[in-house]
PDB file of N, CA and C in Angstrom:
ATOM      1  N   MET A   1    -141.472  -0.999-162.222  1.00  0.00           N
ATOM      2  CA  MET A   1    -141.441  -2.412-162.439  1.00  0.00           C
ATOM      3  C   MET A   1    -140.862  -2.787-163.749  1.00  0.00           C
ATOM      4  N   ILE A   2    -141.270  -2.004-164.814  1.00  0.00           N
ATOM      5  CA  ILE A   2    -140.557  -2.272-165.909  1.00  0.00           C
ATOM      6  C   ILE A   2    -139.255  -1.740-166.310  1.00  0.00           C
ATOM      7  N   GLN A   3    -138.908  -0.734-165.551  1.00  0.00           N
ATOM      8  CA  GLN A   3    -137.306  -0.470-165.363  1.00  0.00           C
ATOM      9  C   GLN A   3    -136.670  -1.663-164.808  1.00  0.00           C
ATOM     10  N   LYS A   4    -137.070  -2.511-163.672  1.00  0.00           N
ATOM     11  CA  LYS A   4    -136.323  -3.261-163.125  1.00  0.00           C
ATOM     12  C   LYS A   4    -136.446  -4.743-164.020  1.00  0.00           C
ATOM     13  N   GLU A   5    -137.561  -5.092-164.642  1.00  0.00           N
ATOM     14  CA  GLU A   5    -137.497  -6.039-165.885  1.00  0.00           C
ATOM     15  C   GLU A   5    -136.509  -5.524-167.076  1.00  0.00           C
ATOM     16  N   ALA A   6    -136.157  -4.505-167.294  1.00  0.00           N
ATOM     17  CA  ALA A   6    -135.289  -4.254-168.601  1.00  0.00           C
ATOM     18  C   ALA A   6    -134.044  -4.340-167.949  1.00  0.00           C
ATOM     19  N   GLN A   7    -133.734  -3.864-166.799  1.00  0.00           N
ATOM     20  CA  GLN A   7    -132.191  -3.990-165.994  1.00  0.00           C
ATOM     21  C   GLN A   7    -132.093  -5.459-165.956  1.00  0.00           C
ATOM     22  N   GLU A   8    -132.935  -6.321-165.592  1.00  0.00           N
ATOM     23  CA  GLU A   8    -132.874  -8.055-165.472  1.00  0.00           C
ATOM     24  C   GLU A   8    -132.445  -8.346-166.940  1.00  0.00           C
ATOM     25  N   ALA A   9    -133.349  -7.797-167.815  1.00  0.00           N
ATOM     26  CA  ALA A   9    -133.128  -8.455-169.244  1.00  0.00           C
ATOM     27  C   ALA A   9    -131.463  -8.016-169.797  1.00  0.00           C
ATOM     28  N   GLU A  10    -130.990  -6.909-169.468  1.00  0.00           N
ATOM     29  CA  GLU A  10    -129.934  -6.494-169.779  1.00  0.00           C
ATOM     30  C   GLU A  10    -128.814  -7.143-169.114  1.00  0.00           C
ATOM     31  N   THR A  11    -129.272  -7.520-168.040  1.00  0.00           N
ATOM     32  CA  THR A  11    -128.033  -8.492-167.168  1.00  0.00           C
ATOM     33  C   THR A  11    -127.794  -9.683-167.924  1.00  0.00           C
ATOM     34  N   LYS A  12    -129.021 -10.224-168.073  1.00  0.00           N
ATOM     35  CA  LYS A  12    -129.294 -11.505-168.828  1.00  0.00           C
ATOM     36  C   LYS A  12    -128.422 -11.577-169.959  1.00  0.00           C
ATOM     37  N   ALA A  13    -128.484 -10.456-170.703  1.00  0.00           N
ATOM     38  CA  ALA A  13    -128.019 -10.371-172.302  1.00  0.00           C
ATOM     39  C   ALA A  13    -126.390 -10.282-171.920  1.00  0.00           C
ATOM     40  N   ARG A  14    -126.040  -9.769-170.997  1.00  0.00           N
ATOM     41  CA  ARG A  14    -124.595  -9.505-170.778  1.00  0.00           C
ATOM     42  C   ARG A  14    -124.090 -10.754-170.233  1.00  0.00           C
ATOM     43  N   ASP A  15    -124.471 -11.334-169.490  1.00  0.00           N
ATOM     44  CA  ASP A  15    -124.149 -13.107-169.146  1.00  0.00           C
ATOM     45  C   ASP A  15    -123.988 -13.689-170.347  1.00  0.00           C
ATOM     46  N   TRP A  16    -125.205 -13.615-171.292  1.00  0.00           N
ATOM     47  CA  TRP A  16    -125.193 -14.696-172.414  1.00  0.00           C
ATOM     48  C   TRP A  16    -124.243 -14.322-173.325  1.00  0.00           C
ATOM     49  N   LYS A  17    -123.707 -12.867-173.347  1.00  0.00           N
ATOM     50  CA  LYS A  17    -122.687 -12.603-174.351  1.00  0.00           C
ATOM     51  C   LYS A  17    -121.382 -13.039-173.669  1.00  0.00           C
ATOM     52  N   LEU A  18    -121.118 -12.817-172.557  1.00  0.00           N
ATOM     53  CA  LEU A  18    -119.839 -13.306-171.795  1.00  0.00           C
ATOM     54  C   LEU A  18    -119.696 -14.819-171.915  1.00  0.00           C
ATOM     55  N   ALA A  19    -120.817 -15.524-171.893  1.00  0.00           N
ATOM     56  CA  ALA A  19    -120.675 -16.931-172.112  1.00  0.00           C
ATOM     57  C   ALA A  19    -120.366 -17.188-173.521  1.00  0.00           C
ATOM     58  N   LEU A  20    -121.027 -16.812-174.354  1.00  0.00           N
ATOM     59  CA  LEU A  20    -121.096 -16.778-175.750  1.00  0.00           C
ATOM     60  C   LEU A  20    -119.343 -16.654-175.986  1.00  0.00           C
ATOM     61  N   LEU A  21    -118.622 -15.591-175.809  1.00  0.00           N
ATOM     62  CA  LEU A  21    -117.294 -15.180-175.904  1.00  0.00           C
ATOM     63  C   LEU A  21    -116.493 -16.111-175.116  1.00  0.00           C
ATOM     64  N   GLU A  22    -116.810 -16.924-173.899  1.00  0.00           N
ATOM     65  CA  GLU A  22    -115.823 -17.762-173.292  1.00  0.00           C
ATOM     66  C   GLU A  22    -115.921 -19.153-174.132  1.00  0.00           C
ATOM     67  N   ALA A  23    -117.441 -19.335-174.801  1.00  0.00           N
ATOM     68  CA  ALA A  23    -117.422 -20.590-175.549  1.00  0.00           C
ATOM     69  C   ALA A  23    -116.574 -20.263-176.814  1.00  0.00           C
ATOM     70  N   LYS A  24    -116.406 -19.412-177.570  1.00  0.00           N
ATOM     71  CA  LYS A  24    -115.742 -19.234-178.915  1.00  0.00           C
ATOM     72  C   LYS A  24    -114.187 -19.234-178.409  1.00  0.00           C
ATOM     73  N   LYS A  25    -113.809 -18.578-177.330  1.00  0.00           N
ATOM     74  CA  LYS A  25    -112.539 -18.860-176.935  1.00  0.00           C
ATOM     75  C   LYS A  25    -112.001 -20.298-176.563  1.00  0.00           C
ATOM     76  N   ALA A  26    -112.882 -20.956-176.002  1.00  0.00           N
ATOM     77  CA  ALA A  26    -112.741 -22.279-175.647  1.00  0.00           C
ATOM     78  C   ALA A  26    -112.496 -23.014-177.061  1.00  0.00           C
ATOM     79  N   GLN A  27    -113.377 -22.851-178.036  1.00  0.00           N
ATOM     80  CA  GLN A  27    -113.404 -23.357-179.160  1.00  0.00           C
ATOM     81  C   GLN A  27    -112.208 -23.211-179.903  1.00  0.00           C
ATOM     82  N   GLU A  28    -111.761 -21.973-179.913  1.00  0.00           N
ATOM     83  CA  GLU A  28    -110.459 -21.659-180.635  1.00  0.00           C
ATOM     84  C   GLU A  28    -109.215 -22.154-180.204  1.00  0.00           C
ATOM     85  N   GLU A  29    -109.363 -22.201-178.774  1.00  0.00           N
ATOM     86  CA  GLU A  29    -108.136 -23.015-178.225  1.00  0.00           C
ATOM     87  C   GLU A  29    -108.247 -24.535-178.510  1.00  0.00           C
ATOM     88  N   ASP A  30    -109.385 -25.094-178.601  1.00  0.00           N
ATOM     89  CA  ASP A  30    -109.503 -26.527-178.953  1.00  0.00           C
ATOM     90  C   ASP A  30    -109.071 -26.797-180.370  1.00  0.00           C
ATOM     91  N   SER A  31    -109.384 -26.032-181.317  1.00  0.00           N
ATOM     92  CA  SER A  31    -108.957 -26.043-182.594  1.00  0.00           C
ATOM     93  C   SER A  31    -107.430 -26.036-182.606  1.00  0.00           C
ATOM     94  N   THR A  32    -106.761 -25.044-182.002  1.00  0.00           N
ATOM     95  CA  THR A  32    -105.405 -25.033-181.970  1.00  0.00           C
ATOM     96  C   THR A  32    -104.670 -26.081-181.470  1.00  0.00           C
ATOM     97  N   GLU A  33    -105.327 -26.836-180.397  1.00  0.00           N
ATOM     98  CA  GLU A  33    -104.581 -27.939-179.759  1.00  0.00           C
ATOM     99  C   GLU A  33    -104.533 -28.999-180.933  1.00  0.00           C
ATOM    100  N   ARG A  34    -105.908 -29.366-181.688  1.00  0.00           N
ATOM    101  CA  ARG A  34    -106.191 -30.364-182.570  1.00  0.00           C
ATOM    102  C   ARG A  34    -105.077 -29.941-183.698  1.00  0.00           C
ATOM    103  N   GLU A  35    -104.906 -28.710-184.323  1.00  0.00           N
ATOM    104  CA  GLU A  35    -103.986 -28.483-185.214  1.00  0.00           C
ATOM    105  C   GLU A  35    -102.587 -29.031-184.868  1.00  0.00           C
ATOM    106  N   GLU A  36    -102.248 -28.614-183.662  1.00  0.00           N
ATOM    107  CA  GLU A  36    -101.032 -29.148-183.024  1.00  0.00           C
ATOM    108  C   GLU A  36    -100.716 -30.519-182.960  1.00  0.00           C
ATOM    109  N   ALA A  37    -101.775 -31.161-182.565  1.00  0.00           N
ATOM    110  CA  ALA A  37    -101.744 -32.685-182.423  1.00  0.00           C
ATOM    111  C   ALA A  37    -101.615 -33.333-183.767  1.00  0.00           C
ATOM    112  N   GLN A  38    -102.399 -32.560-184.494  1.00  0.00           N
ATOM    113  CA  GLN A  38    -102.440 -33.424-186.200  1.00  0.00           C
ATOM    114  C   GLN A  38    -100.912 -33.174-186.561  1.00  0.00           C
ATOM    115  N   HIS A  39    -100.315 -32.022-186.511  1.00  0.00           N
ATOM    116  CA  HIS A  39     -98.883 -31.822-186.845  1.00  0.00           C
ATOM    117  C   HIS A  39     -98.020 -32.853-186.379  1.00  0.00           C
ATOM    118  N   ASP A  40     -98.150 -32.723-185.112  1.00  0.00           N
ATOM    119  CA  ASP A  40     -97.205 -33.951-184.256  1.00  0.00           C
ATOM    120  C   ASP A  40     -97.398 -35.478-184.929  1.00  0.00           C
ATOM    121  N   ALA A  41     -98.593 -35.725-185.167  1.00  0.00           N
ATOM    122  CA  ALA A  41     -99.031 -37.150-185.838  1.00  0.00           C
ATOM    123  C   ALA A  41     -98.466 -37.070-187.044  1.00  0.00           C
ATOM    124  N   ASP A  42     -98.786 -36.059-187.891  1.00  0.00           N
ATOM    125  CA  ASP A  42     -98.018 -36.446-189.181  1.00  0.00           C
ATOM    126  C   ASP A  42     -96.655 -36.203-189.178  1.00  0.00           C
ATOM    127  N   HIS A  43     -95.761 -35.625-188.653  1.00  0.00           N
ATOM    128  CA  HIS A  43     -94.631 -35.604-188.134  1.00  0.00           C
ATOM    129  C   HIS A  43     -93.902 -37.079-187.595  1.00  0.00           C
ATOM    130  N   THR A  44     -94.788 -37.837-186.797  1.00  0.00           N
ATOM    131  CA  THR A  44     -94.326 -39.071-186.148  1.00  0.00           C
ATOM    132  C   THR A  44     -94.456 -39.929-187.404  1.00  0.00           C
ATOM    133  N   ALA A  45     -95.654 -39.675-188.272  1.00  0.00           N
ATOM    134  CA  ALA A  45     -95.998 -40.961-189.262  1.00  0.00           C
ATOM    135  C   ALA A  45     -94.778 -40.811-190.311  1.00  0.00           C
ATOM    136  N   ALA A  46     -94.212 -39.411-190.789  1.00  0.00           N
ATOM    137  CA  ALA A  46     -93.294 -39.599-191.645  1.00  0.00           C
ATOM    138  C   ALA A  46     -91.985 -40.049-191.035  1.00  0.00           C
ATOM    139  N   GLN A  47     -91.790 -39.864-189.887  1.00  0.00           N
ATOM    140  CA  GLN A  47     -90.559 -40.483-189.273  1.00  0.00           C
ATOM    141  C   GLN A  47     -90.523 -42.069-189.389  1.00  0.00           C
ATOM    142  N   LEU A  48     -91.658 -42.531-188.935  1.00  0.00           N
ATOM    143  CA  LEU A  48     -91.875 -43.911-189.157  1.00  0.00           C
ATOM    144  C   LEU A  48     -91.749 -44.402-190.280  1.00  0.00           C
ATOM    145  N   GLU A  49     -92.399 -43.682-191.591  1.00  0.00           N
ATOM    146  CA  GLU A  49     -92.294 -44.075-192.651  1.00  0.00           C
ATOM    147  C   GLU A  49     -90.724 -44.210-193.234  1.00  0.00           C
ATOM    148  N   LYS A  50     -90.075 -43.020-192.722  1.00  0.00           N
ATOM    149  CA  LYS A  50     -88.662 -42.992-192.925  1.00  0.00           C
ATOM    150  C   LYS A  50     -87.948 -44.294-192.614  1.00  0.00           C
ATOM    151  N   THR A  51     -87.987 -44.251-191.147  1.00  0.00           N
ATOM    152  CA  THR A  51     -87.222 -45.546-190.431  1.00  0.00           C
ATOM    153  C   THR A  51     -87.890 -46.820-191.234  1.00  0.00           C
ATOM    154  N   GLY A  52     -88.989 -47.061-191.561  1.00  0.00           N
ATOM    155  CA  GLY A  52     -89.365 -48.304-192.179  1.00  0.00           C
ATOM    156  C   GLY A  52     -88.888 -48.496-193.704  1.00  0.00           C
ATOM    157  N   SER A  53     -88.478 -47.401-194.462  1.00  0.00           N
ATOM    158  CA  SER A  53     -87.963 -47.403-195.756  1.00  0.00           C
ATOM    159  C   SER A  53     -86.541 -47.735-195.519  1.00  0.00           C
ATOM    160  N   ASP A  54     -85.811 -47.008-194.454  1.00  0.00           N
ATOM    161  CA  ASP A  54     -84.682 -47.454-194.388  1.00  0.00           C
ATOM    162  C   ASP A  54     -84.164 -48.732-193.932  1.00  0.00           C
ATOM    163  N   HIS A  55     -84.998 -49.230-193.146  1.00  0.00           N
ATOM    164  CA  HIS A  55     -84.832 -50.831-192.901  1.00  0.00           C
ATOM    165  C   HIS A  55     -85.003 -51.671-194.077  1.00  0.00           C
ATOM    166  N   SER A  56     -85.937 -51.295-194.923  1.00  0.00           N
ATOM    167  CA  SER A  56     -86.224 -52.270-195.901  1.00  0.00           C
ATOM    168  C   SER A  56     -85.174 -52.203-197.161  1.00  0.00           C
ATOM    169  N   SER A  57     -84.521 -51.086-197.083  1.00  0.00           N
ATOM    170  CA  SER A  57     -83.530 -50.850-198.039  1.00  0.00           C
ATOM    171  C   SER A  57     -82.261 -51.610-197.663  1.00  0.00           C
ATOM    172  N   ASN A  58     -81.917 -51.626-196.207  1.00  0.00           N
ATOM    173  CA  ASN A  58     -80.828 -52.316-195.609  1.00  0.00           C
ATOM    174  C   ASN A  58     -81.061 -53.817-195.850  1.00  0.00           C
ATOM    175  N   ALA A  59     -82.358 -54.252-195.624  1.00  0.00           N
ATOM    176  CA  ALA A  59     -82.940 -55.725-195.684  1.00  0.00           C
ATOM    177  C   ALA A  59     -82.272 -56.421-197.040  1.00  0.00           C
ATOM    178  N   GLY A  60     -82.183 -55.784-198.100  1.00  0.00           N
ATOM    179  CA  GLY A  60     -81.967 -56.317-199.425  1.00  0.00           C
ATOM    180  C   GLY A  60     -80.570 -56.573-199.587  1.00  0.00           C
TER     181      GLY A  60
END
């Protein structure tokens, strides 16, 4: 009986460990996607700023 409970506890521990690893991996992927999106947004903002300043210097 005790051995069966120990095996069940070990199985649960493995399941939790796998779930934790999957969660960490998903979090890392999410962070990478956010960083890439931020980089793209910064690049777009810089392009818009440059375009805006080009137009304002031509308007004068």
